[in-house]
């Protein structure tokens, strides 16, 4: 009871102080503990409203094409979910999360977007404003554009009539995963 009275006195004192400075007074209603306030922004790594979680088989059915997926994943990385987006260009996104031995669950480690080449939306700044901020790497018959924009890494390539983009957004601080990500690309089937 004594704490409640102190809270009301504090609220009243703040209200008086604010009103003398031209601010709107605050409510003198008692403070309530454990009051739920809905978040005003999406939580980190939460799927966007258009990112309805699906299995790979479900997005293949929605997209009407076979989805390529990696057979190699770095340590601690697992498939999380797939999503399909029809507009503005049809594409499938596979999300992979990481559980690090030291840092625990770090959320989405990387995502791979696959879309038919005819529908692919060109990204004129994918390799920077000058076009020379990517490293071109040959993996088998596939030419991969690798770009490091700290703290993210991205890889872009085309294969079998599709355009692909891999974007890494989580992982150990100040660490690049170029070798592991190239192994992911090489294992796509």
C-alpha atoms as a PDB file:
ATOM      1  CA  UNK A   1       0.000   0.000   0.000  1.00  0.00           C
ATOM      2  CA  UNK A   2       2.855   2.336   0.898  1.00  0.00           C
ATOM      3  CA  UNK A   3       4.491   1.680  -2.526  1.00  0.00           C
ATOM      4  CA  UNK A   4       1.216   2.453  -4.297  1.00  0.00           C
ATOM      5  CA  UNK A   5       0.915   5.791  -2.454  1.00  0.00           C
ATOM      6  CA  UNK A   6       4.548   6.620  -3.338  1.00  0.00           C
ATOM      7  CA  UNK A   7       3.813   5.820  -6.997  1.00  0.00           C
ATOM      8  CA  UNK A   8       0.760   8.090  -7.006  1.00  0.00           C
ATOM      9  CA  UNK A   9       2.728  10.904  -5.343  1.00  0.00           C
ATOM     10  CA  UNK A  10       5.541  10.469  -7.887  1.00  0.00           C
ATOM     11  CA  UNK A  11       3.069  10.545 -10.783  1.00  0.00           C
ATOM     12  CA  UNK A  12       1.419  13.662  -9.323  1.00  0.00           C
ATOM     13  CA  UNK A  13       4.802  15.394  -8.845  1.00  0.00           C
ATOM     14  CA  UNK A  14       5.856  14.582 -12.410  1.00  0.00           C
ATOM     15  CA  UNK A  15       2.492  15.786 -13.712  1.00  0.00           C
ATOM     16  CA  UNK A  16       2.875  19.132 -11.906  1.00  0.00           C
ATOM     17  CA  UNK A  17       6.463  19.531 -13.106  1.00  0.00           C
ATOM     18  CA  UNK A  18       5.511  18.800 -16.715  1.00  0.00           C
ATOM     19  CA  UNK A  19       2.489  21.092 -16.689  1.00  0.00           C
ATOM     20  CA  UNK A  20       4.551  24.018 -15.362  1.00  0.00           C
ATOM     21  CA  UNK A  21       6.890  23.544 -18.331  1.00  0.00           C
ATOM     22  CA  UNK A  22       4.049  23.606 -20.848  1.00  0.00           C
ATOM     23  CA  UNK A  23       3.810  19.817 -21.297  1.00  0.00           C
ATOM     24  CA  UNK A  24       0.627  17.819 -21.109  1.00  0.00           C
ATOM     25  CA  UNK A  25       0.070  16.289 -17.694  1.00  0.00           C
ATOM     26  CA  UNK A  26       0.315  12.539 -17.372  1.00  0.00           C
ATOM     27  CA  UNK A  27      -2.337  10.329 -15.882  1.00  0.00           C
ATOM     28  CA  UNK A  28      -2.436   9.952 -12.121  1.00  0.00           C
ATOM     29  CA  UNK A  29      -3.864   6.449 -12.448  1.00  0.00           C
ATOM     30  CA  UNK A  30      -1.846   3.859 -10.561  1.00  0.00           C
ATOM     31  CA  UNK A  31       0.801   2.049 -12.589  1.00  0.00           C
ATOM     32  CA  UNK A  32      -0.053  -1.516 -13.522  1.00  0.00           C
ATOM     33  CA  UNK A  33       2.513  -4.275 -13.615  1.00  0.00           C
ATOM     34  CA  UNK A  34       2.666  -6.840 -16.423  1.00  0.00           C
ATOM     35  CA  UNK A  35       0.621  -4.748 -18.825  1.00  0.00           C
ATOM     36  CA  UNK A  36       0.902  -6.136 -22.372  1.00  0.00           C
ATOM     37  CA  UNK A  37       1.814  -3.566 -24.987  1.00  0.00           C
ATOM     38  CA  UNK A  38       1.740  -4.920 -28.565  1.00  0.00           C
ATOM     39  CA  UNK A  39       5.013  -4.357 -30.408  1.00  0.00           C
ATOM     40  CA  UNK A  40       5.003  -1.446 -32.817  1.00  0.00           C
ATOM     41  CA  UNK A  41       7.562  -3.041 -35.130  1.00  0.00           C
ATOM     42  CA  UNK A  42       8.288  -6.559 -36.257  1.00  0.00           C
ATOM     43  CA  UNK A  43      10.617  -8.494 -34.016  1.00  0.00           C
ATOM     44  CA  UNK A  44      14.044  -9.356 -35.399  1.00  0.00           C
ATOM     45  CA  UNK A  45      14.021 -12.477 -37.575  1.00  0.00           C
ATOM     46  CA  UNK A  46      10.218 -12.704 -37.459  1.00  0.00           C
ATOM     47  CA  UNK A  47       8.758 -13.625 -40.841  1.00  0.00           C
ATOM     48  CA  UNK A  48       7.269 -10.730 -42.759  1.00  0.00           C
ATOM     49  CA  UNK A  49       3.496 -10.921 -43.268  1.00  0.00           C
ATOM     50  CA  UNK A  50       4.031 -12.218 -46.825  1.00  0.00           C
ATOM     51  CA  UNK A  51       6.464 -14.875 -45.554  1.00  0.00           C
ATOM     52  CA  UNK A  52       3.992 -17.573 -44.615  1.00  0.00           C
ATOM     53  CA  UNK A  53       6.075 -20.527 -43.398  1.00  0.00           C
ATOM     54  CA  UNK A  54       5.848 -23.571 -45.669  1.00  0.00           C
ATOM     55  CA  UNK A  55       7.709 -26.785 -46.338  1.00  0.00           C
ATOM     56  CA  UNK A  56       9.782 -27.071 -49.503  1.00  0.00           C
ATOM     57  CA  UNK A  57       7.163 -29.405 -51.025  1.00  0.00           C
ATOM     58  CA  UNK A  58       4.428 -26.818 -50.369  1.00  0.00           C
ATOM     59  CA  UNK A  59       6.332 -23.951 -52.034  1.00  0.00           C
ATOM     60  CA  UNK A  60       7.185 -26.175 -55.004  1.00  0.00           C
ATOM     61  CA  UNK A  61       3.475 -26.732 -55.487  1.00  0.00           C
ATOM     62  CA  UNK A  62       2.722 -22.996 -55.133  1.00  0.00           C
ATOM     63  CA  UNK A  63       5.577 -21.928 -57.433  1.00  0.00           C
ATOM     64  CA  UNK A  64       5.129 -24.632 -60.064  1.00  0.00           C
ATOM     65  CA  UNK A  65       8.857 -25.459 -60.257  1.00  0.00           C
ATOM     66  CA  UNK A  66      11.387 -27.656 -58.472  1.00  0.00           C
ATOM     67  CA  UNK A  67      13.165 -25.811 -55.700  1.00  0.00           C
ATOM     68  CA  UNK A  68      16.888 -26.336 -55.477  1.00  0.00           C
ATOM     69  CA  UNK A  69      18.233 -26.794 -51.968  1.00  0.00           C
ATOM     70  CA  UNK A  70      21.705 -27.275 -50.502  1.00  0.00           C
ATOM     71  CA  UNK A  71      22.948 -30.673 -49.408  1.00  0.00           C
ATOM     72  CA  UNK A  72      25.740 -29.029 -47.366  1.00  0.00           C
ATOM     73  CA  UNK A  73      25.109 -26.764 -44.383  1.00  0.00           C
ATOM     74  CA  UNK A  74      27.729 -25.278 -42.033  1.00  0.00           C
ATOM     75  CA  UNK A  75      27.903 -26.560 -38.442  1.00  0.00           C
ATOM     76  CA  UNK A  76      24.910 -25.455 -36.354  1.00  0.00           C
ATOM     77  CA  UNK A  77      22.828 -24.447 -39.395  1.00  0.00           C
ATOM     78  CA  UNK A  78      19.440 -26.077 -40.075  1.00  0.00           C
ATOM     79  CA  UNK A  79      16.553 -25.482 -42.465  1.00  0.00           C
ATOM     80  CA  UNK A  80      13.929 -23.238 -40.820  1.00  0.00           C
ATOM     81  CA  UNK A  81      11.143 -22.723 -43.380  1.00  0.00           C
ATOM     82  CA  UNK A  82      10.340 -21.841 -46.986  1.00  0.00           C
ATOM     83  CA  UNK A  83       8.084 -19.088 -48.316  1.00  0.00           C
ATOM     84  CA  UNK A  84       6.590 -18.224 -51.683  1.00  0.00           C
ATOM     85  CA  UNK A  85       5.988 -14.747 -53.037  1.00  0.00           C
ATOM     86  CA  UNK A  86       4.013 -14.308 -56.238  1.00  0.00           C
ATOM     87  CA  UNK A  87       4.338 -10.552 -56.685  1.00  0.00           C
ATOM     88  CA  UNK A  88       6.103  -8.482 -57.942  1.00  0.00           C
ATOM     89  CA  UNK A  89       8.083 -11.470 -59.280  1.00  0.00           C
ATOM     90  CA  UNK A  90       7.438 -15.111 -58.379  1.00  0.00           C
ATOM     91  CA  UNK A  91      10.128 -16.447 -56.084  1.00  0.00           C
ATOM     92  CA  UNK A  92      10.809 -18.984 -53.371  1.00  0.00           C
ATOM     93  CA  UNK A  93      12.851 -18.160 -50.275  1.00  0.00           C
ATOM     94  CA  UNK A  94      14.492 -20.828 -48.122  1.00  0.00           C
ATOM     95  CA  UNK A  95      15.514 -19.713 -44.638  1.00  0.00           C
ATOM     96  CA  UNK A  96      18.202 -21.392 -42.587  1.00  0.00           C
ATOM     97  CA  UNK A  97      18.811 -20.645 -38.916  1.00  0.00           C
ATOM     98  CA  UNK A  98      21.949 -21.002 -36.837  1.00  0.00           C
ATOM     99  CA  UNK A  99      22.422 -22.211 -33.308  1.00  0.00           C
ATOM    100  CA  UNK A 100      25.967 -21.267 -32.338  1.00  0.00           C
ATOM    101  CA  UNK A 101      27.896 -23.219 -29.703  1.00  0.00           C
ATOM    102  CA  UNK A 102      28.785 -19.997 -27.857  1.00  0.00           C
ATOM    103  CA  UNK A 103      26.078 -17.486 -28.815  1.00  0.00           C
ATOM    104  CA  UNK A 104      23.082 -19.865 -28.910  1.00  0.00           C
ATOM    105  CA  UNK A 105      20.131 -19.261 -31.246  1.00  0.00           C
ATOM    106  CA  UNK A 106      21.173 -16.450 -33.580  1.00  0.00           C
ATOM    107  CA  UNK A 107      18.077 -16.560 -35.797  1.00  0.00           C
ATOM    108  CA  UNK A 108      18.169 -16.600 -39.584  1.00  0.00           C
ATOM    109  CA  UNK A 109      21.762 -17.268 -40.645  1.00  0.00           C
ATOM    110  CA  UNK A 110      21.099 -17.011 -44.370  1.00  0.00           C
ATOM    111  CA  UNK A 111      18.333 -17.191 -46.915  1.00  0.00           C
ATOM    112  CA  UNK A 112      18.351 -18.360 -50.512  1.00  0.00           C
ATOM    113  CA  UNK A 113      15.972 -16.785 -53.027  1.00  0.00           C
ATOM    114  CA  UNK A 114      15.234 -18.693 -56.239  1.00  0.00           C
ATOM    115  CA  UNK A 115      13.225 -17.317 -59.142  1.00  0.00           C
ATOM    116  CA  UNK A 116      12.869 -18.075 -62.852  1.00  0.00           C
ATOM    117  CA  UNK A 117      15.426 -16.064 -64.857  1.00  0.00           C
ATOM    118  CA  UNK A 118      12.740 -14.584 -67.133  1.00  0.00           C
ATOM    119  CA  UNK A 119      11.014 -13.161 -64.043  1.00  0.00           C
ATOM    120  CA  UNK A 120      14.184 -12.142 -62.210  1.00  0.00           C
ATOM    121  CA  UNK A 121      14.280  -8.505 -61.210  1.00  0.00           C
ATOM    122  CA  UNK A 122      17.710  -7.028 -62.057  1.00  0.00           C
ATOM    123  CA  UNK A 123      19.509  -5.313 -59.201  1.00  0.00           C
ATOM    124  CA  UNK A 124      21.740  -2.612 -60.765  1.00  0.00           C
ATOM    125  CA  UNK A 125      23.595  -1.962 -57.482  1.00  0.00           C
ATOM    126  CA  UNK A 126      24.127  -5.624 -56.524  1.00  0.00           C
ATOM    127  CA  UNK A 127      27.856  -5.163 -57.055  1.00  0.00           C
ATOM    128  CA  UNK A 128      27.987  -1.555 -55.858  1.00  0.00           C
ATOM    129  CA  UNK A 129      27.556   1.725 -57.668  1.00  0.00           C
ATOM    130  CA  UNK A 130      30.625   1.160 -59.851  1.00  0.00           C
ATOM    131  CA  UNK A 131      29.859  -2.506 -60.489  1.00  0.00           C
ATOM    132  CA  UNK A 132      33.260  -3.687 -59.281  1.00  0.00           C
ATOM    133  CA  UNK A 133      32.497  -4.396 -55.624  1.00  0.00           C
ATOM    134  CA  UNK A 134      31.883  -8.116 -56.239  1.00  0.00           C
ATOM    135  CA  UNK A 135      34.389 -10.890 -56.487  1.00  0.00           C
ATOM    136  CA  UNK A 136      33.669 -13.271 -59.376  1.00  0.00           C
ATOM    137  CA  UNK A 137      34.267 -16.913 -58.466  1.00  0.00           C
ATOM    138  CA  UNK A 138      33.908 -20.039 -60.588  1.00  0.00           C
ATOM    139  CA  UNK A 139      32.227 -23.022 -58.897  1.00  0.00           C
ATOM    140  CA  UNK A 140      32.075 -25.857 -61.419  1.00  0.00           C
ATOM    141  CA  UNK A 141      30.138 -24.471 -64.390  1.00  0.00           C
ATOM    142  CA  UNK A 142      28.597 -21.657 -62.344  1.00  0.00           C
ATOM    143  CA  UNK A 143      29.941 -18.107 -62.096  1.00  0.00           C
ATOM    144  CA  UNK A 144      29.159 -16.696 -58.624  1.00  0.00           C
ATOM    145  CA  UNK A 145      29.253 -13.034 -57.623  1.00  0.00           C
ATOM    146  CA  UNK A 146      30.399 -12.739 -53.991  1.00  0.00           C
ATOM    147  CA  UNK A 147      30.003  -9.464 -52.117  1.00  0.00           C
ATOM    148  CA  UNK A 148      30.923  -8.613 -48.539  1.00  0.00           C
ATOM    149  CA  UNK A 149      29.104  -5.615 -47.096  1.00  0.00           C
ATOM    150  CA  UNK A 150      29.912  -5.895 -43.416  1.00  0.00           C
ATOM    151  CA  UNK A 151      28.149  -7.392 -41.540  1.00  0.00           C
ATOM    152  CA  UNK A 152      26.388  -9.209 -44.419  1.00  0.00           C
ATOM    153  CA  UNK A 153      27.585 -11.392 -47.262  1.00  0.00           C
ATOM    154  CA  UNK A 154      25.731 -12.069 -50.488  1.00  0.00           C
ATOM    155  CA  UNK A 155      26.231 -14.446 -53.371  1.00  0.00           C
ATOM    156  CA  UNK A 156      24.389 -14.307 -56.692  1.00  0.00           C
ATOM    157  CA  UNK A 157      24.407 -16.830 -59.522  1.00  0.00           C
ATOM    158  CA  UNK A 158      22.331 -18.274 -62.349  1.00  0.00           C
ATOM    159  CA  UNK A 159      21.820 -21.960 -63.058  1.00  0.00           C
ATOM    160  CA  UNK A 160      19.308 -24.180 -64.856  1.00  0.00           C
ATOM    161  CA  UNK A 161      17.115 -21.255 -65.952  1.00  0.00           C
ATOM    162  CA  UNK A 162      16.904 -19.705 -62.467  1.00  0.00           C
ATOM    163  CA  UNK A 163      18.487 -16.764 -60.681  1.00  0.00           C
ATOM    164  CA  UNK A 164      19.644 -17.302 -57.103  1.00  0.00           C
ATOM    165  CA  UNK A 165      20.677 -15.006 -54.308  1.00  0.00           C
ATOM    166  CA  UNK A 166      22.079 -16.107 -50.955  1.00  0.00           C
ATOM    167  CA  UNK A 167      22.147 -13.482 -48.214  1.00  0.00           C
ATOM    168  CA  UNK A 168      23.861 -14.138 -44.874  1.00  0.00           C
ATOM    169  CA  UNK A 169      22.661 -11.875 -42.073  1.00  0.00           C
ATOM    170  CA  UNK A 170      23.751 -13.576 -38.833  1.00  0.00           C
ATOM    171  CA  UNK A 171      26.768 -15.330 -37.383  1.00  0.00           C
ATOM    172  CA  UNK A 172      29.747 -14.645 -35.181  1.00  0.00           C
ATOM    173  CA  UNK A 173      30.654 -10.966 -34.854  1.00  0.00           C
ATOM    174  CA  UNK A 174      33.429  -9.841 -37.222  1.00  0.00           C
ATOM    175  CA  UNK A 175      33.585 -13.216 -39.001  1.00  0.00           C
ATOM    176  CA  UNK A 176      33.080 -13.897 -42.693  1.00  0.00           C
ATOM    177  CA  UNK A 177      31.695 -17.206 -43.895  1.00  0.00           C
ATOM    178  CA  UNK A 178      32.817 -17.027 -47.538  1.00  0.00           C
ATOM    179  CA  UNK A 179      34.226 -20.584 -47.700  1.00  0.00           C
ATOM    180  CA  UNK A 180      31.173 -22.157 -46.012  1.00  0.00           C
ATOM    181  CA  UNK A 181      28.739 -20.181 -48.209  1.00  0.00           C
ATOM    182  CA  UNK A 182      30.589 -21.216 -51.375  1.00  0.00           C
ATOM    183  CA  UNK A 183      30.257 -24.838 -50.222  1.00  0.00           C
ATOM    184  CA  UNK A 184      26.501 -24.247 -49.801  1.00  0.00           C
ATOM    185  CA  UNK A 185      26.277 -22.917 -53.373  1.00  0.00           C
ATOM    186  CA  UNK A 186      28.324 -25.835 -54.723  1.00  0.00           C
ATOM    187  CA  UNK A 187      25.956 -28.304 -53.042  1.00  0.00           C
ATOM    188  CA  UNK A 188      22.731 -26.891 -54.543  1.00  0.00           C
ATOM    189  CA  UNK A 189      20.545 -29.576 -56.156  1.00  0.00           C
END
